[in-house]
C-alpha atoms as a PDB file:
ATOM      1  CA  MET A   1      -0.002   0.006  -0.005  1.00  0.00           C
ATOM      2  CA  ARG A   2       1.388   3.382  -0.971  1.00  0.00           C
ATOM      3  CA  LEU A   3       0.275   6.506   0.782  1.00  0.00           C
ATOM      4  CA  ASP A   4      -0.121   9.618  -1.290  1.00  0.00           C
ATOM      5  CA  GLY A   5      -1.862  12.826  -0.617  1.00  0.00           C
ATOM      6  CA  PRO A   6      -1.512  16.180   1.109  1.00  0.00           C
ATOM      7  CA  VAL A   7      -0.269  14.702   4.412  1.00  0.00           C
ATOM      8  CA  THR A   8       2.399  12.617   2.707  1.00  0.00           C
ATOM      9  CA  ARG A   9       3.580  15.565   0.593  1.00  0.00           C
ATOM     10  CA  GLU A  10       3.663  17.814   3.655  1.00  0.00           C
ATOM     11  CA  PHE A  11       5.691  15.195   5.528  1.00  0.00           C
ATOM     12  CA  GLU A  12       8.182  14.949   2.651  1.00  0.00           C
ATOM     13  CA  GLU A  13       8.483  18.741   2.472  1.00  0.00           C
ATOM     14  CA  ASN A  14       9.077  18.900   6.224  1.00  0.00           C
ATOM     15  CA  MET A  15      11.758  16.241   5.978  1.00  0.00           C
ATOM     16  CA  GLN A  16      13.500  18.228   3.237  1.00  0.00           C
ATOM     17  CA  VAL A  17      13.361  21.389   5.366  1.00  0.00           C
ATOM     18  CA  ALA A  18      14.873  19.451   8.279  1.00  0.00           C
ATOM     19  CA  ALA A  19      17.655  18.075   6.072  1.00  0.00           C
ATOM     20  CA  ASN A  20      18.439  21.550   4.770  1.00  0.00           C
ATOM     21  CA  ARG A  21      18.596  22.894   8.322  1.00  0.00           C
ATOM     22  CA  GLN A  22      20.946  20.059   9.268  1.00  0.00           C
ATOM     23  CA  GLY A  23      23.236  21.016   6.410  1.00  0.00           C
ATOM     24  CA  GLU A  24      23.142  24.673   7.409  1.00  0.00           C
ATOM     25  CA  ILE A  25      23.942  23.775  11.013  1.00  0.00           C
ATOM     26  CA  VAL A  26      26.900  21.656   9.892  1.00  0.00           C
ATOM     27  CA  LEU A  27      28.225  24.490   7.721  1.00  0.00           C
ATOM     28  CA  ALA A  28      27.897  26.922  10.631  1.00  0.00           C
ATOM     29  CA  ALA A  29      29.707  24.476  12.920  1.00  0.00           C
ATOM     30  CA  ILE A  30      32.494  24.073  10.361  1.00  0.00           C
ATOM     31  CA  THR A  31      32.848  27.858  10.216  1.00  0.00           C
ATOM     32  CA  ALA A  32      32.984  28.085  14.006  1.00  0.00           C
ATOM     33  CA  MET A  33      35.577  25.305  14.181  1.00  0.00           C
ATOM     34  CA  GLY A  34      37.665  27.106  11.559  1.00  0.00           C
ATOM     35  CA  GLU A  35      37.585  30.243  13.691  1.00  0.00           C
ATOM     36  CA  SER A  36      38.655  28.249  16.738  1.00  0.00           C
ATOM     37  CA  LEU A  37      41.529  26.702  14.807  1.00  0.00           C
ATOM     38  CA  ALA A  38      42.622  30.135  13.589  1.00  0.00           C
ATOM     39  CA  LEU A  39      42.724  31.292  17.205  1.00  0.00           C
ATOM     40  CA  ALA A  40      44.748  28.207  18.126  1.00  0.00           C
ATOM     41  CA  GLU A  41      47.212  28.954  15.319  1.00  0.00           C
ATOM     42  CA  ALA A  42      47.607  32.518  16.610  1.00  0.00           C
ATOM     43  CA  LYS A  43      48.235  31.216  20.141  1.00  0.00           C
ATOM     44  CA  ILE A  44      50.939  28.867  18.901  1.00  0.00           C
ATOM     45  CA  ALA A  45      52.531  31.601  16.813  1.00  0.00           C
ATOM     46  CA  GLY A  46      52.571  33.825  19.889  1.00  0.00           C
ATOM     47  CA  GLY A  47      54.190  31.130  22.024  1.00  0.00           C
ATOM     48  CA  HIS A  48      51.125  30.695  24.229  1.00  0.00           C
ATOM     49  CA  PRO A  49      50.119  27.344  25.724  1.00  0.00           C
ATOM     50  CA  LEU A  50      47.383  25.481  23.948  1.00  0.00           C
ATOM     51  CA  ASP A  51      45.038  22.703  25.072  1.00  0.00           C
ATOM     52  CA  LEU A  52      43.695  20.678  22.169  1.00  0.00           C
ATOM     53  CA  THR A  53      41.832  18.195  24.340  1.00  0.00           C
ATOM     54  CA  GLY A  54      38.653  17.094  22.606  1.00  0.00           C
ATOM     55  CA  LEU A  55      39.495  18.559  19.188  1.00  0.00           C
ATOM     56  CA  ASP A  56      39.461  15.106  17.598  1.00  0.00           C
ATOM     57  CA  LEU A  57      36.036  14.355  19.098  1.00  0.00           C
ATOM     58  CA  GLU A  58      34.565  17.616  17.838  1.00  0.00           C
ATOM     59  CA  ILE A  59      35.919  17.055  14.334  1.00  0.00           C
ATOM     60  CA  GLY A  60      34.475  13.522  14.451  1.00  0.00           C
ATOM     61  CA  ARG A  61      31.075  14.918  15.407  1.00  0.00           C
ATOM     62  CA  LEU A  62      31.178  17.331  12.474  1.00  0.00           C
ATOM     63  CA  CYS A  63      31.991  14.488  10.116  1.00  0.00           C
ATOM     64  CA  ALA A  64      29.185  12.342  11.531  1.00  0.00           C
ATOM     65  CA  ALA A  65      26.657  15.182  11.381  1.00  0.00           C
ATOM     66  CA  SER A  66      27.590  15.930   7.778  1.00  0.00           C
ATOM     67  CA  ARG A  67      26.207  12.527   6.767  1.00  0.00           C
ATOM     68  CA  ALA A  68      22.665  13.785   7.469  1.00  0.00           C
ATOM     69  CA  ALA A  69      22.975  16.761   5.133  1.00  0.00           C
ATOM     70  CA  PRO A  70      21.105  16.762   1.821  1.00  0.00           C
ATOM     71  CA  PRO A  71      23.132  15.717  -1.223  1.00  0.00           C
ATOM     72  CA  ALA A  72      23.045  19.239  -2.681  1.00  0.00           C
ATOM     73  CA  MET A  73      24.976  20.561   0.333  1.00  0.00           C
ATOM     74  CA  ILE A  74      27.664  17.868   0.345  1.00  0.00           C
ATOM     75  CA  PRO A  75      30.103  19.747  -1.949  1.00  0.00           C
ATOM     76  CA  ALA A  76      30.091  22.820   0.333  1.00  0.00           C
ATOM     77  CA  ILE A  77      30.436  20.663   3.431  1.00  0.00           C
ATOM     78  CA  ARG A  78      33.279  18.729   1.840  1.00  0.00           C
ATOM     79  CA  ARG A  79      35.130  21.939   1.006  1.00  0.00           C
ATOM     80  CA  GLY A  80      34.643  23.113   4.576  1.00  0.00           C
ATOM     81  CA  LEU A  81      35.937  19.857   6.030  1.00  0.00           C
ATOM     82  CA  GLU A  82      38.916  19.911   3.670  1.00  0.00           C
ATOM     83  CA  ALA A  83      39.707  23.455   4.838  1.00  0.00           C
ATOM     84  CA  LEU A  84      39.554  22.251   8.457  1.00  0.00           C
ATOM     85  CA  LEU A  85      41.951  19.439   7.587  1.00  0.00           C
ATOM     86  CA  ALA A  86      44.395  21.942   6.117  1.00  0.00           C
ATOM     87  CA  GLN A  87      44.078  24.098   9.241  1.00  0.00           C
ATOM     88  CA  THR A  88      44.719  21.162  11.566  1.00  0.00           C
ATOM     89  CA  GLU A  89      47.776  20.194   9.520  1.00  0.00           C
ATOM     90  CA  ARG A  90      49.132  23.743   9.802  1.00  0.00           C
ATOM     91  CA  LEU A  91      48.348  23.683  13.504  1.00  0.00           C
ATOM     92  CA  ARG A  92      50.193  20.388  13.957  1.00  0.00           C
ATOM     93  CA  ALA A  93      53.190  21.696  12.025  1.00  0.00           C
ATOM     94  CA  GLY A  94      53.383  24.705  14.348  1.00  0.00           C
ATOM     95  CA  LEU A  95      53.286  22.711  17.587  1.00  0.00           C
ATOM     96  CA  PRO A  96      56.569  22.261  19.413  1.00  0.00           C
ATOM     97  CA  VAL A  97      57.960  18.755  19.335  1.00  0.00           C
ATOM     98  CA  PRO A  98      57.683  17.189  22.806  1.00  0.00           C
ATOM     99  CA  ASP A  99      60.876  16.185  24.539  1.00  0.00           C
ATOM    100  CA  PRO A 100      60.977  12.352  24.637  1.00  0.00           C
ATOM    101  CA  LYS A 101      62.568  12.587  28.108  1.00  0.00           C
ATOM    102  CA  GLY A 102      59.537  14.479  29.373  1.00  0.00           C
ATOM    103  CA  PRO A 103      59.341  17.889  30.978  1.00  0.00           C
ATOM    104  CA  PRO A 104      62.218  19.111  33.144  1.00  0.00           C
ATOM    105  CA  PRO A 105      61.847  18.396  36.882  1.00  0.00           C
END
């Protein structure tokens, strides 16, 4: 049995609106993460301490959330995630190499 009618069409339209919102939220979160990474880069460049605890989890959440975005938004989300990858690579390159002996006593 296939349902068709005003209720079904309204449901489908609502689902599309929700998917579009999800994509917009992901793009906004990618932008916010990019701003946070830019601040982290500035801290490293200025020789300030930096705590990156949880960065990997947040990036993972962005990647997971991007899977719910509508197909039309995937190229923009992909570009945003690729930009975050480039930022994290620059950030990693700027971090001091830890002393294998550990911190001085």
